[in-house]
């Protein structure tokens, strides 16, 4: 019996991350926001150190668990309502019948 209607293939947009200035968006945007907040609060060094820690920490996590760990973590363990907004063309994560 062939039940291919129950299975889904992994969408390509989960495997290709968005980039800004050649760097992954999930690394650059939060680090830039942290630095800008520190800059406006006149805590330049603290903002720079926190932004660098975010950037290098996330880069370290990505080398350990894969390039798209942030998108995968949001999809599998994130809130269902947020997951529906971000991953509009993807079935809910409770339907775990995926084709490779």
C-alpha atoms as a PDB file:
ATOM      1  CA  UNK A   1       0.000   0.000   0.000  1.00  0.00           C
ATOM      2  CA  UNK A   2       1.436   3.366  -1.027  1.00  0.00           C
ATOM      3  CA  UNK A   3       0.514   6.271   1.248  1.00  0.00           C
ATOM      4  CA  UNK A   4       2.577   9.025  -0.362  1.00  0.00           C
ATOM      5  CA  UNK A   5      -0.179  11.578   0.336  1.00  0.00           C
ATOM      6  CA  UNK A   6       0.795  11.463   4.037  1.00  0.00           C
ATOM      7  CA  UNK A   7       4.436  12.319   3.374  1.00  0.00           C
ATOM      8  CA  UNK A   8       6.072  15.660   2.617  1.00  0.00           C
ATOM      9  CA  UNK A   9       9.454  16.584   1.255  1.00  0.00           C
ATOM     10  CA  UNK A  10      11.585  19.115   3.107  1.00  0.00           C
ATOM     11  CA  UNK A  11      11.010  22.533   1.512  1.00  0.00           C
ATOM     12  CA  UNK A  12      13.991  24.184  -0.141  1.00  0.00           C
ATOM     13  CA  UNK A  13      13.529  27.422   1.820  1.00  0.00           C
ATOM     14  CA  UNK A  14      14.325  25.570   5.051  1.00  0.00           C
ATOM     15  CA  UNK A  15      17.666  24.563   3.542  1.00  0.00           C
ATOM     16  CA  UNK A  16      18.665  27.949   2.129  1.00  0.00           C
ATOM     17  CA  UNK A  17      19.091  30.742   4.627  1.00  0.00           C
ATOM     18  CA  UNK A  18      18.598  34.433   3.911  1.00  0.00           C
ATOM     19  CA  UNK A  19      21.741  36.571   3.658  1.00  0.00           C
ATOM     20  CA  UNK A  20      22.587  40.234   4.196  1.00  0.00           C
ATOM     21  CA  UNK A  21      25.985  41.594   3.088  1.00  0.00           C
ATOM     22  CA  UNK A  22      27.155  38.021   2.550  1.00  0.00           C
ATOM     23  CA  UNK A  23      26.467  36.969   6.155  1.00  0.00           C
ATOM     24  CA  UNK A  24      23.527  34.919   7.418  1.00  0.00           C
ATOM     25  CA  UNK A  25      20.652  37.152   8.490  1.00  0.00           C
ATOM     26  CA  UNK A  26      20.074  35.425  11.838  1.00  0.00           C
ATOM     27  CA  UNK A  27      23.680  36.159  12.797  1.00  0.00           C
ATOM     28  CA  UNK A  28      23.927  39.712  11.516  1.00  0.00           C
ATOM     29  CA  UNK A  29      20.605  41.356  12.446  1.00  0.00           C
ATOM     30  CA  UNK A  30      20.567  40.555  16.185  1.00  0.00           C
ATOM     31  CA  UNK A  31      24.257  41.428  16.527  1.00  0.00           C
ATOM     32  CA  UNK A  32      23.686  44.709  14.712  1.00  0.00           C
ATOM     33  CA  UNK A  33      20.655  45.531  16.891  1.00  0.00           C
ATOM     34  CA  UNK A  34      22.626  44.790  20.075  1.00  0.00           C
ATOM     35  CA  UNK A  35      25.488  46.985  18.903  1.00  0.00           C
ATOM     36  CA  UNK A  36      23.147  49.860  17.922  1.00  0.00           C
ATOM     37  CA  UNK A  37      21.360  49.697  21.293  1.00  0.00           C
ATOM     38  CA  UNK A  38      24.702  49.808  23.080  1.00  0.00           C
ATOM     39  CA  UNK A  39      25.824  52.675  20.872  1.00  0.00           C
ATOM     40  CA  UNK A  40      22.737  54.780  21.604  1.00  0.00           C
ATOM     41  CA  UNK A  41      23.036  54.023  25.328  1.00  0.00           C
ATOM     42  CA  UNK A  42      26.640  55.300  25.145  1.00  0.00           C
ATOM     43  CA  UNK A  43      28.011  51.917  26.198  1.00  0.00           C
ATOM     44  CA  UNK A  44      30.095  51.334  23.093  1.00  0.00           C
ATOM     45  CA  UNK A  45      32.392  48.622  24.406  1.00  0.00           C
ATOM     46  CA  UNK A  46      29.629  46.667  26.136  1.00  0.00           C
ATOM     47  CA  UNK A  47      27.469  46.795  23.011  1.00  0.00           C
ATOM     48  CA  UNK A  48      30.369  45.664  20.867  1.00  0.00           C
ATOM     49  CA  UNK A  49      31.294  42.795  23.192  1.00  0.00           C
ATOM     50  CA  UNK A  50      27.679  41.571  23.465  1.00  0.00           C
ATOM     51  CA  UNK A  51      27.198  41.803  19.695  1.00  0.00           C
ATOM     52  CA  UNK A  52      30.450  39.943  19.070  1.00  0.00           C
ATOM     53  CA  UNK A  53      29.489  37.292  21.640  1.00  0.00           C
ATOM     54  CA  UNK A  54      26.122  36.788  19.922  1.00  0.00           C
ATOM     55  CA  UNK A  55      27.729  36.577  16.484  1.00  0.00           C
ATOM     56  CA  UNK A  56      30.523  34.188  17.469  1.00  0.00           C
ATOM     57  CA  UNK A  57      28.292  32.116  19.754  1.00  0.00           C
ATOM     58  CA  UNK A  58      25.718  31.536  17.045  1.00  0.00           C
ATOM     59  CA  UNK A  59      28.472  30.769  14.553  1.00  0.00           C
ATOM     60  CA  UNK A  60      29.872  28.173  16.990  1.00  0.00           C
ATOM     61  CA  UNK A  61      26.427  26.581  17.412  1.00  0.00           C
ATOM     62  CA  UNK A  62      26.042  26.436  13.644  1.00  0.00           C
ATOM     63  CA  UNK A  63      29.358  24.634  13.223  1.00  0.00           C
ATOM     64  CA  UNK A  64      28.263  22.068  15.813  1.00  0.00           C
ATOM     65  CA  UNK A  65      24.679  21.448  14.648  1.00  0.00           C
ATOM     66  CA  UNK A  66      24.492  22.596  11.036  1.00  0.00           C
ATOM     67  CA  UNK A  67      24.029  25.768   9.043  1.00  0.00           C
ATOM     68  CA  UNK A  68      20.238  25.957   9.394  1.00  0.00           C
ATOM     69  CA  UNK A  69      19.833  25.096  13.070  1.00  0.00           C
ATOM     70  CA  UNK A  70      17.930  28.318  13.821  1.00  0.00           C
ATOM     71  CA  UNK A  71      15.252  27.654  11.187  1.00  0.00           C
ATOM     72  CA  UNK A  72      15.001  23.996  12.188  1.00  0.00           C
ATOM     73  CA  UNK A  73      14.724  24.854  15.899  1.00  0.00           C
ATOM     74  CA  UNK A  74      12.034  27.455  15.211  1.00  0.00           C
ATOM     75  CA  UNK A  75      10.112  24.956  13.118  1.00  0.00           C
ATOM     76  CA  UNK A  76      10.357  21.907  15.382  1.00  0.00           C
ATOM     77  CA  UNK A  77      10.266  23.486  18.841  1.00  0.00           C
ATOM     78  CA  UNK A  78       8.817  26.948  18.274  1.00  0.00           C
ATOM     79  CA  UNK A  79       5.335  28.153  19.027  1.00  0.00           C
ATOM     80  CA  UNK A  80       2.642  26.846  16.669  1.00  0.00           C
ATOM     81  CA  UNK A  81       1.237  30.310  15.967  1.00  0.00           C
ATOM     82  CA  UNK A  82       4.657  31.750  15.104  1.00  0.00           C
ATOM     83  CA  UNK A  83       5.492  28.681  13.045  1.00  0.00           C
ATOM     84  CA  UNK A  84       2.329  29.193  10.974  1.00  0.00           C
ATOM     85  CA  UNK A  85       3.342  32.801  10.233  1.00  0.00           C
ATOM     86  CA  UNK A  86       6.981  32.080   9.369  1.00  0.00           C
ATOM     87  CA  UNK A  87       6.584  28.742   7.568  1.00  0.00           C
ATOM     88  CA  UNK A  88       3.394  29.344   5.622  1.00  0.00           C
ATOM     89  CA  UNK A  89       3.843  26.647   2.973  1.00  0.00           C
ATOM     90  CA  UNK A  90       5.009  23.946   5.350  1.00  0.00           C
ATOM     91  CA  UNK A  91       2.764  21.498   7.207  1.00  0.00           C
ATOM     92  CA  UNK A  92       2.675  21.638  11.018  1.00  0.00           C
ATOM     93  CA  UNK A  93       5.592  19.999  12.809  1.00  0.00           C
ATOM     94  CA  UNK A  94       3.315  17.469  14.477  1.00  0.00           C
ATOM     95  CA  UNK A  95       2.994  15.782  11.084  1.00  0.00           C
ATOM     96  CA  UNK A  96       6.481  14.293  11.104  1.00  0.00           C
ATOM     97  CA  UNK A  97       6.233  12.157   8.018  1.00  0.00           C
ATOM     98  CA  UNK A  98       9.046  13.674   5.951  1.00  0.00           C
ATOM     99  CA  UNK A  99      10.719  12.374   2.836  1.00  0.00           C
ATOM    100  CA  UNK A 100      14.425  13.095   2.454  1.00  0.00           C
END
